[in-house]
Amino acid sequence: MSHTLTIDIPEEVYEPLKKTAEQSGQSPETLVVQWLAAAVQHLVDDPVEQFIGAFDSQGSDWADHHDQYLGKSLAETIRDAGPESRSDG
């Protein structure tokens, strides 16, 4: 069974879509269906989903501040490695 979906696509999205479809010998509609199918499959088969909520990350703001946490961890790793393990180019 299939369904018809009508969407308005901005020109700046449609033109690259049309060009890509022409290069692959497909219609823009066929290409969009393939892309949507792949995106939906990726959502359904997310390998990390089984771990969501599986452990306490000891912080609820990780998603908002991940750059700071990663930077802090990297700085600690570099500090702990000491100058003897660093190369100067």
C-alpha atoms as a PDB file:
ATOM      1  CA  MET A   1       0.000   0.000   0.000  1.00  0.00           C
ATOM      2  CA  SER A   2       1.274   3.475  -0.770  1.00  0.00           C
ATOM      3  CA  HIS A   3       0.196   6.987   0.174  1.00  0.00           C
ATOM      4  CA  THR A   4       0.339  10.245  -1.704  1.00  0.00           C
ATOM      5  CA  LEU A   5       2.093  13.088   0.081  1.00  0.00           C
ATOM      6  CA  THR A   6       2.099  16.577  -1.384  1.00  0.00           C
ATOM      7  CA  ILE A   7       4.739  18.990  -0.115  1.00  0.00           C
ATOM      8  CA  ASP A   8       5.967  22.434  -1.120  1.00  0.00           C
ATOM      9  CA  ILE A   9       9.743  22.502  -1.532  1.00  0.00           C
ATOM     10  CA  PRO A  10      11.655  25.784  -1.647  1.00  0.00           C
ATOM     11  CA  GLU A  11      13.505  26.496  -4.879  1.00  0.00           C
ATOM     12  CA  GLU A  12      16.910  26.307  -3.159  1.00  0.00           C
ATOM     13  CA  VAL A  13      16.095  22.741  -2.105  1.00  0.00           C
ATOM     14  CA  TYR A  14      14.380  21.635  -5.298  1.00  0.00           C
ATOM     15  CA  GLU A  15      17.102  22.661  -7.748  1.00  0.00           C
ATOM     16  CA  PRO A  16      19.881  20.511  -6.196  1.00  0.00           C
ATOM     17  CA  LEU A  17      17.340  17.703  -5.782  1.00  0.00           C
ATOM     18  CA  LYS A  18      16.385  17.927  -9.458  1.00  0.00           C
ATOM     19  CA  LYS A  19      20.060  18.000 -10.530  1.00  0.00           C
ATOM     20  CA  THR A  20      20.916  14.977  -8.373  1.00  0.00           C
ATOM     21  CA  ALA A  21      17.891  13.091  -9.685  1.00  0.00           C
ATOM     22  CA  GLU A  22      18.853  13.824 -13.300  1.00  0.00           C
ATOM     23  CA  GLN A  23      22.423  12.648 -12.666  1.00  0.00           C
ATOM     24  CA  SER A  24      21.145   9.380 -11.240  1.00  0.00           C
ATOM     25  CA  GLY A  25      18.550   8.888 -13.991  1.00  0.00           C
ATOM     26  CA  GLN A  26      15.648   9.089 -11.567  1.00  0.00           C
ATOM     27  CA  SER A  27      12.770  11.440 -10.982  1.00  0.00           C
ATOM     28  CA  PRO A  28      12.986  13.858  -8.049  1.00  0.00           C
ATOM     29  CA  GLU A  29       9.979  12.061  -6.518  1.00  0.00           C
ATOM     30  CA  THR A  30      11.696   8.667  -6.662  1.00  0.00           C
ATOM     31  CA  LEU A  31      14.859  10.090  -5.137  1.00  0.00           C
ATOM     32  CA  VAL A  32      12.940  11.746  -2.294  1.00  0.00           C
ATOM     33  CA  VAL A  33      11.106   8.490  -1.532  1.00  0.00           C
ATOM     34  CA  GLN A  34      14.458   6.661  -1.364  1.00  0.00           C
ATOM     35  CA  TRP A  35      15.931   9.313   0.945  1.00  0.00           C
ATOM     36  CA  LEU A  36      12.883   9.289   3.208  1.00  0.00           C
ATOM     37  CA  ALA A  37      12.902   5.497   3.362  1.00  0.00           C
ATOM     38  CA  ALA A  38      16.582   5.516   4.333  1.00  0.00           C
ATOM     39  CA  ALA A  39      15.998   8.202   6.991  1.00  0.00           C
ATOM     40  CA  VAL A  40      13.054   6.321   8.489  1.00  0.00           C
ATOM     41  CA  GLN A  41      15.003   3.057   8.478  1.00  0.00           C
ATOM     42  CA  HIS A  42      17.872   4.794  10.270  1.00  0.00           C
ATOM     43  CA  LEU A  43      15.460   6.026  12.951  1.00  0.00           C
ATOM     44  CA  VAL A  44      13.927   2.573  13.355  1.00  0.00           C
ATOM     45  CA  ASP A  45      17.304   0.796  13.484  1.00  0.00           C
ATOM     46  CA  ASP A  46      19.170   3.272  15.712  1.00  0.00           C
ATOM     47  CA  PRO A  47      21.867   1.096  17.339  1.00  0.00           C
ATOM     48  CA  VAL A  48      22.257   3.504  20.257  1.00  0.00           C
ATOM     49  CA  GLU A  49      18.574   3.657  21.163  1.00  0.00           C
ATOM     50  CA  GLN A  50      18.802   0.584  23.392  1.00  0.00           C
ATOM     51  CA  PHE A  51      21.237   2.475  25.632  1.00  0.00           C
ATOM     52  CA  ILE A  52      19.144   5.630  26.045  1.00  0.00           C
ATOM     53  CA  GLY A  53      18.416   5.924  29.755  1.00  0.00           C
ATOM     54  CA  ALA A  54      20.362   2.748  30.533  1.00  0.00           C
ATOM     55  CA  PHE A  55      22.795   4.479  32.893  1.00  0.00           C
ATOM     56  CA  ASP A  56      23.113   7.634  34.937  1.00  0.00           C
ATOM     57  CA  SER A  57      25.311  10.157  33.166  1.00  0.00           C
ATOM     58  CA  GLN A  58      25.581  12.197  36.388  1.00  0.00           C
ATOM     59  CA  GLY A  59      24.411  15.308  34.612  1.00  0.00           C
ATOM     60  CA  SER A  60      21.303  16.377  32.814  1.00  0.00           C
ATOM     61  CA  ASP A  61      22.909  19.155  30.791  1.00  0.00           C
ATOM     62  CA  TRP A  62      25.366  17.048  28.800  1.00  0.00           C
ATOM     63  CA  ALA A  63      23.658  17.695  25.468  1.00  0.00           C
ATOM     64  CA  ASP A  64      23.783  21.458  25.998  1.00  0.00           C
ATOM     65  CA  HIS A  65      27.353  21.602  27.333  1.00  0.00           C
ATOM     66  CA  HIS A  66      29.118  18.700  25.646  1.00  0.00           C
ATOM     67  CA  ASP A  67      31.836  20.941  24.156  1.00  0.00           C
ATOM     68  CA  GLN A  68      32.864  22.151  27.606  1.00  0.00           C
ATOM     69  CA  TYR A  69      32.845  18.612  29.038  1.00  0.00           C
ATOM     70  CA  LEU A  70      34.873  17.221  26.136  1.00  0.00           C
ATOM     71  CA  GLY A  71      37.307  20.129  26.330  1.00  0.00           C
ATOM     72  CA  LYS A  72      37.753  19.607  30.065  1.00  0.00           C
ATOM     73  CA  SER A  73      38.341  15.890  29.544  1.00  0.00           C
ATOM     74  CA  LEU A  74      40.870  16.550  26.776  1.00  0.00           C
ATOM     75  CA  ALA A  75      42.708  19.108  28.930  1.00  0.00           C
ATOM     76  CA  GLU A  76      42.875  16.609  31.791  1.00  0.00           C
ATOM     77  CA  THR A  77      44.177  13.891  29.458  1.00  0.00           C
ATOM     78  CA  ILE A  78      46.893  16.180  28.116  1.00  0.00           C
ATOM     79  CA  ARG A  79      47.806  17.325  31.631  1.00  0.00           C
ATOM     80  CA  ASP A  80      47.976  13.739  32.901  1.00  0.00           C
ATOM     81  CA  ALA A  81      50.130  12.655  29.951  1.00  0.00           C
ATOM     82  CA  GLY A  82      52.847  15.078  30.987  1.00  0.00           C
ATOM     83  CA  PRO A  83      55.349  16.904  28.781  1.00  0.00           C
ATOM     84  CA  GLU A  84      57.381  13.769  28.028  1.00  0.00           C
ATOM     85  CA  SER A  85      54.580  12.284  25.905  1.00  0.00           C
ATOM     86  CA  ARG A  86      53.889  15.435  23.881  1.00  0.00           C
ATOM     87  CA  SER A  87      55.703  16.090  20.628  1.00  0.00           C
ATOM     88  CA  ASP A  88      56.581  19.553  19.404  1.00  0.00           C
ATOM     89  CA  GLY A  89      55.936  18.991  15.695  1.00  0.00           C
END
